Amino acid sequence: MKMIGVCACPTGIAHTYMAQAALEKAARAKGHEIKVETQGAMGIENELSAGEIADARVVIFAVGVNVEGEERFDGKQKVTVEVGKAIENPMDIIQKAEMKGMGL
């Protein structure tokens, strides 16, 4: 399944990138394609294209702040969690995304 995500924490430094790495590792371990955009102190990095957004079945928001450009994801199935949850238990977040992506 194609998944996308956005990670952003209040300071936009360590936790943003830790969440990104954890979600990417968990998704790939379950055989999914994933790309995660980060929003933080360095601005938007690894920005998701309109095509990547269109192709994705589900979007994961691992955030502690408002997502810049959130309207890009209107109409998508979404899973929203705190950044820390994505770091602590990324496999649980991926399982929730799988269910959303399958329309469950």
N, C-alpha and C. Protein backbone atom coordinates (compact mmCIF):
# COMPACT_ATOMS: atom_id res chain seq x y z
N MET A 1 0.85 -1.18 0.00
CA MET A 1 0.00 0.00 0.00
C MET A 1 0.89 1.24 0.00
N LYS A 2 0.49 2.24 -0.74
CA LYS A 2 1.23 3.49 -0.75
C LYS A 2 0.71 4.38 0.37
N MET A 3 1.65 4.82 1.22
CA MET A 3 1.33 5.69 2.33
C MET A 3 2.21 6.92 2.24
N ILE A 4 1.69 8.01 2.79
CA ILE A 4 2.49 9.22 2.94
C ILE A 4 2.32 9.71 4.36
N GLY A 5 3.21 10.59 4.78
CA GLY A 5 3.09 11.13 6.12
C GLY A 5 3.68 12.52 6.22
N VAL A 6 3.31 13.17 7.32
CA VAL A 6 3.89 14.46 7.67
C VAL A 6 4.25 14.39 9.15
N CYS A 7 5.49 14.70 9.45
CA CYS A 7 5.94 14.74 10.84
C CYS A 7 6.35 16.17 11.17
N ALA A 8 5.89 16.64 12.33
CA ALA A 8 6.23 17.99 12.77
C ALA A 8 6.03 18.09 14.28
N CYS A 9 7.07 18.53 14.97
CA CYS A 9 6.96 18.73 16.42
C CYS A 9 7.12 20.21 16.72
N PRO A 10 6.77 20.64 17.93
CA PRO A 10 6.82 22.07 18.25
C PRO A 10 8.17 22.74 17.99
N THR A 11 9.27 22.07 18.29
CA THR A 11 10.57 22.69 18.04
C THR A 11 11.11 22.34 16.66
N GLY A 12 10.57 21.28 16.06
CA GLY A 12 10.94 20.93 14.69
C GLY A 12 12.35 20.43 14.52
N ILE A 13 12.85 19.75 15.54
CA ILE A 13 14.21 19.26 15.42
C ILE A 13 14.19 17.74 15.59
N ALA A 14 14.65 17.23 16.70
CA ALA A 14 14.89 15.80 16.87
C ALA A 14 13.65 14.93 16.71
N HIS A 15 12.57 15.24 17.39
CA HIS A 15 11.41 14.36 17.37
C HIS A 15 10.79 14.25 15.98
N THR A 16 10.84 15.30 15.21
CA THR A 16 10.30 15.26 13.84
C THR A 16 11.02 14.17 13.04
N TYR A 17 12.33 14.17 13.10
CA TYR A 17 13.12 13.22 12.31
C TYR A 17 13.10 11.82 12.90
N MET A 18 12.99 11.72 14.22
CA MET A 18 12.87 10.40 14.85
C MET A 18 11.55 9.74 14.45
N ALA A 19 10.48 10.52 14.41
CA ALA A 19 9.18 9.99 14.00
C ALA A 19 9.22 9.57 12.53
N GLN A 20 9.83 10.38 11.69
CA GLN A 20 9.96 10.05 10.27
C GLN A 20 10.66 8.71 10.10
N ALA A 21 11.80 8.56 10.73
CA ALA A 21 12.58 7.33 10.60
C ALA A 21 11.81 6.12 11.12
N ALA A 22 11.14 6.28 12.24
CA ALA A 22 10.39 5.16 12.83
C ALA A 22 9.24 4.73 11.92
N LEU A 23 8.49 5.67 11.38
CA LEU A 23 7.38 5.33 10.50
C LEU A 23 7.86 4.70 9.20
N GLU A 24 8.93 5.23 8.64
CA GLU A 24 9.47 4.65 7.40
C GLU A 24 9.93 3.21 7.63
N LYS A 25 10.62 2.98 8.70
CA LYS A 25 11.12 1.63 9.00
C LYS A 25 9.96 0.65 9.21
N ALA A 26 8.95 1.06 9.98
CA ALA A 26 7.81 0.19 10.27
C ALA A 26 7.00 -0.11 9.01
N ALA A 27 6.76 0.91 8.20
CA ALA A 27 5.99 0.71 6.96
C ALA A 27 6.71 -0.24 6.01
N ARG A 28 7.99 -0.02 5.84
CA ARG A 28 8.76 -0.88 4.92
C ARG A 28 8.84 -2.31 5.44
N ALA A 29 8.91 -2.48 6.75
CA ALA A 29 8.94 -3.82 7.35
C ALA A 29 7.66 -4.59 7.03
N LYS A 30 6.57 -3.86 6.84
CA LYS A 30 5.30 -4.50 6.51
C LYS A 30 5.03 -4.51 5.01
N GLY A 31 6.02 -4.11 4.20
CA GLY A 31 5.91 -4.19 2.76
C GLY A 31 5.21 -3.02 2.09
N HIS A 32 5.09 -1.90 2.78
CA HIS A 32 4.43 -0.72 2.22
C HIS A 32 5.44 0.27 1.65
N GLU A 33 4.97 1.06 0.68
CA GLU A 33 5.75 2.19 0.19
C GLU A 33 5.35 3.39 1.03
N ILE A 34 6.33 4.19 1.44
CA ILE A 34 6.01 5.37 2.23
C ILE A 34 6.99 6.49 1.92
N LYS A 35 6.47 7.71 1.95
CA LYS A 35 7.31 8.90 1.89
C LYS A 35 6.79 9.84 2.96
N VAL A 36 7.70 10.39 3.74
CA VAL A 36 7.32 11.25 4.86
C VAL A 36 7.94 12.63 4.70
N GLU A 37 7.09 13.63 4.68
CA GLU A 37 7.51 15.03 4.65
C GLU A 37 7.76 15.48 6.09
N THR A 38 8.80 16.27 6.29
CA THR A 38 9.04 16.84 7.61
C THR A 38 8.84 18.34 7.55
N GLN A 39 8.28 18.86 8.63
CA GLN A 39 8.08 20.30 8.77
C GLN A 39 8.66 20.70 10.11
N GLY A 40 9.65 21.57 10.08
CA GLY A 40 10.27 21.95 11.34
C GLY A 40 11.16 23.16 11.20
N ALA A 41 12.20 23.17 12.01
CA ALA A 41 13.11 24.31 12.07
C ALA A 41 13.75 24.61 10.72
N MET A 42 13.92 23.61 9.89
CA MET A 42 14.54 23.79 8.57
C MET A 42 13.49 24.06 7.49
N GLY A 43 12.24 24.24 7.88
CA GLY A 43 11.17 24.43 6.91
C GLY A 43 10.62 23.08 6.47
N ILE A 44 10.04 23.02 5.29
CA ILE A 44 9.51 21.77 4.76
C ILE A 44 10.62 21.05 4.02
N GLU A 45 10.85 19.81 4.41
CA GLU A 45 11.85 18.97 3.74
C GLU A 45 11.16 17.71 3.23
N ASN A 46 11.70 17.15 2.15
CA ASN A 46 11.15 15.93 1.57
C ASN A 46 9.69 16.17 1.17
N GLU A 47 9.42 17.35 0.62
CA GLU A 47 8.04 17.77 0.34
C GLU A 47 7.32 16.79 -0.58
N LEU A 48 6.10 16.48 -0.20
CA LEU A 48 5.27 15.57 -0.98
C LEU A 48 4.72 16.28 -2.21
N SER A 49 4.82 15.64 -3.36
CA SER A 49 4.30 16.22 -4.59
C SER A 49 2.80 15.94 -4.70
N ALA A 50 2.13 16.67 -5.57
CA ALA A 50 0.70 16.45 -5.80
C ALA A 50 0.45 15.01 -6.28
N GLY A 51 1.35 14.48 -7.09
CA GLY A 51 1.22 13.11 -7.58
C GLY A 51 1.36 12.08 -6.48
N GLU A 52 2.32 12.29 -5.59
CA GLU A 52 2.51 11.37 -4.47
C GLU A 52 1.29 11.38 -3.55
N ILE A 53 0.75 12.56 -3.34
CA ILE A 53 -0.45 12.67 -2.50
C ILE A 53 -1.62 11.96 -3.18
N ALA A 54 -1.79 12.18 -4.46
CA ALA A 54 -2.89 11.55 -5.20
C ALA A 54 -2.78 10.03 -5.20
N ASP A 55 -1.58 9.50 -5.30
CA ASP A 55 -1.36 8.05 -5.38
C ASP A 55 -1.50 7.34 -4.03
N ALA A 56 -1.38 8.06 -2.93
CA ALA A 56 -1.39 7.44 -1.60
C ALA A 56 -2.80 7.04 -1.19
N ARG A 57 -2.88 5.92 -0.49
CA ARG A 57 -4.16 5.45 0.04
C ARG A 57 -4.49 6.10 1.37
N VAL A 58 -3.44 6.51 2.11
CA VAL A 58 -3.64 7.05 3.45
C VAL A 58 -2.50 7.99 3.80
N VAL A 59 -2.80 8.99 4.63
CA VAL A 59 -1.78 9.92 5.11
C VAL A 59 -1.72 9.84 6.63
N ILE A 60 -0.50 9.78 7.13
CA ILE A 60 -0.26 9.76 8.57
C ILE A 60 0.26 11.12 8.99
N PHE A 61 -0.42 11.75 9.93
CA PHE A 61 0.06 12.99 10.52
C PHE A 61 0.60 12.65 11.90
N ALA A 62 1.91 12.71 12.07
CA ALA A 62 2.55 12.55 13.38
C ALA A 62 3.02 13.94 13.76
N VAL A 63 2.15 14.66 14.45
CA VAL A 63 2.38 16.09 14.64
C VAL A 63 2.04 16.57 16.04
N GLY A 64 2.68 17.67 16.40
CA GLY A 64 2.37 18.36 17.64
C GLY A 64 2.07 19.82 17.38
N VAL A 65 2.00 20.17 16.11
CA VAL A 65 1.70 21.54 15.67
C VAL A 65 0.80 21.45 14.44
N ASN A 66 0.30 22.59 13.99
CA ASN A 66 -0.51 22.61 12.77
C ASN A 66 0.36 22.27 11.56
N VAL A 67 -0.22 21.54 10.63
CA VAL A 67 0.48 21.14 9.42
C VAL A 67 0.36 22.26 8.39
N GLU A 68 1.49 22.67 7.87
CA GLU A 68 1.49 23.68 6.80
C GLU A 68 0.98 23.03 5.52
N GLY A 69 0.00 23.65 4.89
CA GLY A 69 -0.54 23.11 3.64
C GLY A 69 -1.42 21.89 3.83
N GLU A 70 -2.07 21.79 4.98
CA GLU A 70 -2.89 20.61 5.27
C GLU A 70 -4.00 20.39 4.25
N GLU A 71 -4.45 21.46 3.62
CA GLU A 71 -5.53 21.33 2.63
C GLU A 71 -5.12 20.45 1.45
N ARG A 72 -3.83 20.24 1.26
CA ARG A 72 -3.35 19.35 0.18
C ARG A 72 -3.87 17.93 0.34
N PHE A 73 -4.23 17.58 1.57
CA PHE A 73 -4.60 16.20 1.89
C PHE A 73 -6.11 16.01 2.01
N ASP A 74 -6.89 17.03 1.67
CA ASP A 74 -8.35 16.91 1.73
C ASP A 74 -8.81 15.73 0.90
N GLY A 75 -9.74 14.97 1.44
CA GLY A 75 -10.29 13.81 0.75
C GLY A 75 -9.52 12.52 0.98
N LYS A 76 -8.38 12.60 1.65
CA LYS A 76 -7.58 11.40 1.93
C LYS A 76 -7.99 10.79 3.27
N GLN A 77 -7.85 9.48 3.36
CA GLN A 77 -7.99 8.81 4.65
C GLN A 77 -6.81 9.27 5.52
N LYS A 78 -7.07 9.59 6.78
CA LYS A 78 -6.03 10.16 7.64
C LYS A 78 -5.95 9.45 8.98
N VAL A 79 -4.72 9.34 9.46
CA VAL A 79 -4.44 8.90 10.83
C VAL A 79 -3.62 10.01 11.45
N THR A 80 -4.09 10.54 12.57
CA THR A 80 -3.39 11.64 13.24
C THR A 80 -2.99 11.20 14.65
N VAL A 81 -1.71 11.36 14.95
CA VAL A 81 -1.17 10.98 16.26
C VAL A 81 -0.16 12.03 16.71
N GLU A 82 0.14 12.03 17.99
CA GLU A 82 1.22 12.87 18.50
C GLU A 82 2.55 12.32 18.01
N VAL A 83 3.51 13.18 17.84
CA VAL A 83 4.83 12.78 17.35
C VAL A 83 5.42 11.67 18.22
N GLY A 84 5.30 11.80 19.52
CA GLY A 84 5.86 10.81 20.44
C GLY A 84 5.30 9.42 20.24
N LYS A 85 4.03 9.31 19.90
CA LYS A 85 3.40 8.00 19.66
C LYS A 85 4.02 7.31 18.45
N ALA A 86 4.36 8.09 17.44
CA ALA A 86 4.99 7.51 16.25
C ALA A 86 6.38 7.00 16.56
N ILE A 87 7.06 7.64 17.50
CA ILE A 87 8.40 7.20 17.90
C ILE A 87 8.30 5.96 18.78
N GLU A 88 7.37 5.98 19.73
CA GLU A 88 7.23 4.90 20.70
C GLU A 88 6.69 3.61 20.10
N ASN A 89 5.70 3.72 19.23
CA ASN A 89 5.05 2.53 18.68
C ASN A 89 4.65 2.73 17.22
N PRO A 90 5.64 2.83 16.35
CA PRO A 90 5.32 3.09 14.94
C PRO A 90 4.53 1.97 14.28
N MET A 91 4.72 0.73 14.70
CA MET A 91 4.00 -0.38 14.09
C MET A 91 2.50 -0.26 14.34
N ASP A 92 2.12 0.23 15.51
CA ASP A 92 0.70 0.45 15.82
C ASP A 92 0.12 1.51 14.88
N ILE A 93 0.89 2.55 14.61
CA ILE A 93 0.42 3.61 13.72
C ILE A 93 0.27 3.07 12.29
N ILE A 94 1.20 2.26 11.86
CA ILE A 94 1.12 1.66 10.52
C ILE A 94 -0.10 0.75 10.42
N GLN A 95 -0.38 -0.01 11.46
CA GLN A 95 -1.56 -0.88 11.46
C GLN A 95 -2.84 -0.05 11.35
N LYS A 96 -2.91 1.06 12.06
CA LYS A 96 -4.08 1.94 11.96
C LYS A 96 -4.19 2.50 10.54
N ALA A 97 -3.06 2.86 9.94
CA ALA A 97 -3.05 3.37 8.58
C ALA A 97 -3.52 2.30 7.59
N GLU A 98 -3.10 1.06 7.81
CA GLU A 98 -3.55 -0.05 6.94
C GLU A 98 -5.07 -0.16 6.97
N MET A 99 -5.63 -0.10 8.17
CA MET A 99 -7.09 -0.22 8.30
C MET A 99 -7.79 0.94 7.61
N LYS A 100 -7.29 2.15 7.80
CA LYS A 100 -7.88 3.33 7.14
C LYS A 100 -7.75 3.20 5.62
N GLY A 101 -6.59 2.77 5.16
CA GLY A 101 -6.33 2.65 3.74
C GLY A 101 -7.19 1.60 3.06
N MET A 102 -7.65 0.63 3.83
CA MET A 102 -8.53 -0.41 3.30
C MET A 102 -9.99 -0.05 3.50
N GLY A 103 -10.25 1.13 4.06
CA GLY A 103 -11.61 1.57 4.26
C GLY A 103 -12.29 0.95 5.45
N LEU A 104 -11.51 0.47 6.41
CA LEU A 104 -12.09 -0.15 7.62
C LEU A 104 -12.19 0.83 8.76
